[in-house]
Amino acid sequence: MCDTARVTTHRIGYSRVSTLDQDPSSQQDALERAGVDRVFVEHFTGTRASRPEWDRAREQLRAGDTLVVTRLDRLGRSTKDLLEISQWLEARGVELQVLEQPIDTRTPEGRMFFTILAAFAQFERDLIVARTKDGLAAARARGEPVAGARS
């Protein structure tokens, strides 16, 4: 008699918004359409190191499961962060599916594509930060009040 116990795998969704005015519902909708079993939603992470929903999602992930995100920049904040997450997932046998970017981290090509997109995500974030700083400096130079800025 052969024991053919079936291993149940899960699809865990993770979404993240960086500011209070962002709405995570479009990410949640896309993840639900992708057939995830559960969605963890991180609200307003900004540059905080703490991501409690990410920690909860990681606790749920087991070998054979798939982590599903809409875009790489919703998973991590920097190239280093994304590469560390990728290594963490690989070490635990967890697959990664990125809905808006065709990434398959099981192949050498997929890992290369992941790394390239991680670098572009970091570049995009750096540009946004630089533009924001430039805009705030220009507003201050004009004597305009800048919300939330220190005098």
Protein backbone atom coordinates (compact mmCIF):
# COMPACT_ATOMS: atom_id res chain seq x y z
CA MET A 1 0.00 0.00 0.00
CA CYS A 2 1.42 3.33 -1.08
CA ASP A 3 0.93 6.44 1.03
CA THR A 4 0.08 9.28 -1.36
CA ALA A 5 -0.75 11.99 1.14
CA ARG A 6 -1.54 15.14 -0.74
CA VAL A 7 0.45 18.22 0.21
CA THR A 8 -1.66 21.34 0.21
CA THR A 9 0.04 24.42 -1.13
CA HIS A 10 -1.19 27.94 -0.69
CA ARG A 11 -1.09 31.13 -2.68
CA ILE A 12 -0.44 34.03 -0.33
CA GLY A 13 -0.97 37.58 -1.59
CA TYR A 14 0.89 40.59 -0.27
CA SER A 15 0.17 44.24 -1.07
CA ARG A 16 1.75 47.40 0.23
CA VAL A 17 1.00 51.10 -0.01
CA SER A 18 3.60 53.68 0.96
CA THR A 19 1.51 56.72 1.76
CA LEU A 20 -1.74 57.43 3.56
CA ASP A 21 -3.43 58.67 0.39
CA GLN A 22 -2.77 55.46 -1.58
CA ASP A 23 -5.57 52.92 -1.80
CA PRO A 24 -4.58 49.23 -1.76
CA SER A 25 -7.89 48.04 -3.22
CA SER A 26 -6.63 47.71 -6.81
CA GLN A 27 -3.77 45.51 -5.60
CA GLN A 28 -6.16 43.46 -3.47
CA ASP A 29 -8.55 43.02 -6.41
CA ALA A 30 -5.74 41.85 -8.71
CA LEU A 31 -4.48 39.40 -6.08
CA GLU A 32 -7.95 37.99 -5.53
CA ARG A 33 -8.42 37.59 -9.31
CA ALA A 34 -5.12 35.67 -9.31
CA GLY A 35 -6.67 33.17 -6.93
CA VAL A 36 -4.78 33.80 -3.72
CA ASP A 37 -6.02 32.10 -0.57
CA ARG A 38 -5.30 35.08 1.65
CA VAL A 39 -4.14 38.68 1.17
CA PHE A 40 -1.95 40.56 3.62
CA VAL A 41 -2.24 44.34 3.21
CA GLU A 42 0.48 46.65 4.49
CA HIS A 43 -0.71 50.24 5.00
CA PHE A 44 1.64 53.22 4.93
CA THR A 45 5.07 51.73 5.34
CA GLY A 46 7.01 54.75 4.12
CA THR A 47 10.60 54.05 5.10
CA ARG A 48 9.80 52.23 8.34
CA ALA A 49 11.72 49.04 8.86
CA SER A 50 8.72 47.40 10.51
CA ARG A 51 6.23 45.67 8.23
CA PRO A 52 3.88 43.67 10.46
CA GLU A 53 1.72 42.33 7.61
CA TRP A 54 4.82 41.15 5.74
CA ASP A 55 5.92 39.38 8.92
CA ARG A 56 2.49 37.71 9.16
CA ALA A 57 2.61 36.68 5.51
CA ARG A 58 6.07 35.16 5.95
CA GLU A 59 4.82 33.14 8.91
CA GLN A 60 2.19 31.57 6.63
CA LEU A 61 4.53 30.63 3.78
CA ARG A 62 5.69 27.01 3.54
CA ALA A 63 7.70 25.03 1.00
CA GLY A 64 5.66 24.65 -2.17
CA ASP A 65 3.58 27.78 -1.53
CA THR A 66 3.55 30.79 -3.85
CA LEU A 67 3.87 34.40 -2.78
CA VAL A 68 1.89 36.62 -5.15
CA VAL A 69 2.42 40.38 -5.53
CA THR A 70 1.24 42.80 -8.18
CA ARG A 71 4.65 44.44 -8.79
CA LEU A 72 8.13 44.08 -7.35
CA ASP A 73 8.11 47.57 -5.88
CA ARG A 74 5.14 46.53 -3.72
CA LEU A 75 7.20 43.67 -2.25
CA GLY A 76 10.39 45.50 -1.32
CA ARG A 77 11.74 49.03 -0.98
CA SER A 78 15.21 48.60 -2.45
CA THR A 79 17.27 46.28 -4.61
CA LYS A 80 18.96 44.96 -1.48
CA ASP A 81 15.60 44.37 0.21
CA LEU A 82 14.19 42.55 -2.85
CA LEU A 83 17.27 40.37 -3.23
CA GLU A 84 17.14 39.42 0.46
CA ILE A 85 13.45 38.54 0.14
CA SER A 86 14.17 36.49 -2.98
CA GLN A 87 16.90 34.56 -1.16
CA TRP A 88 14.60 34.03 1.83
CA LEU A 89 11.86 32.66 -0.44
CA GLU A 90 14.27 30.41 -2.35
CA ALA A 91 15.78 28.99 0.85
CA ARG A 92 12.28 27.99 2.00
CA GLY A 93 11.10 26.57 -1.31
CA VAL A 94 8.53 29.32 -1.85
CA GLU A 95 7.78 30.44 -5.41
CA LEU A 96 7.25 34.09 -6.32
CA GLN A 97 4.65 35.29 -8.81
CA VAL A 98 4.63 38.93 -9.86
CA LEU A 99 1.38 39.64 -11.71
CA GLU A 100 2.39 42.69 -13.76
CA GLN A 101 5.91 41.47 -14.54
CA PRO A 102 6.56 37.97 -15.96
CA ILE A 103 8.97 36.74 -13.31
CA ASP A 104 9.72 33.09 -12.63
CA THR A 105 12.47 32.81 -10.05
CA ARG A 106 12.85 29.06 -10.69
CA THR A 107 14.96 29.69 -13.82
CA PRO A 108 18.32 31.43 -14.34
CA GLU A 109 16.65 33.83 -16.78
CA GLY A 110 13.86 34.57 -14.32
CA ARG A 111 16.34 35.30 -11.53
CA MET A 112 18.27 37.62 -13.86
CA PHE A 113 15.05 39.41 -14.86
CA PHE A 114 14.11 39.71 -11.18
CA THR A 115 17.47 41.34 -10.42
CA ILE A 116 17.17 43.76 -13.34
CA LEU A 117 13.65 44.78 -12.35
CA ALA A 118 14.72 45.14 -8.72
CA ALA A 119 17.42 47.57 -9.84
CA PHE A 120 14.88 49.55 -11.90
CA ALA A 121 12.48 49.66 -8.94
CA GLN A 122 15.28 51.09 -6.79
CA PHE A 123 16.12 53.61 -9.51
CA GLU A 124 12.48 54.70 -9.78
CA ARG A 125 12.22 55.13 -6.00
CA ASP A 126 15.46 57.14 -5.92
CA LEU A 127 14.13 59.43 -8.67
CA ILE A 128 10.89 60.02 -6.76
CA VAL A 129 12.81 60.88 -3.58
CA ALA A 130 15.10 63.28 -5.50
CA ARG A 131 12.17 65.00 -7.23
CA THR A 132 10.33 65.37 -3.94
CA LYS A 133 13.38 66.93 -2.28
CA ASP A 134 13.84 69.29 -5.25
CA GLY A 135 10.18 70.30 -5.13
CA LEU A 136 10.28 70.97 -1.40
CA ALA A 137 13.48 73.00 -1.73
CA ALA A 138 11.95 75.07 -4.56
CA ALA A 139 8.80 75.70 -2.51
CA ARG A 140 10.86 76.80 0.49
CA ALA A 141 12.95 79.10 -1.73
CA ARG A 142 9.72 80.76 -2.90
CA GLY A 143 8.65 81.15 0.74
CA GLU A 144 5.72 78.77 0.35
CA PRO A 145 4.61 76.75 3.36
CA VAL A 146 5.61 73.10 3.10
CA ALA A 147 3.30 70.67 4.92
CA GLY A 148 5.08 68.36 7.30
CA ALA A 149 8.48 69.91 6.63
CA ARG A 150 10.74 71.05 9.42
CA SER A 151 11.68 74.69 9.52
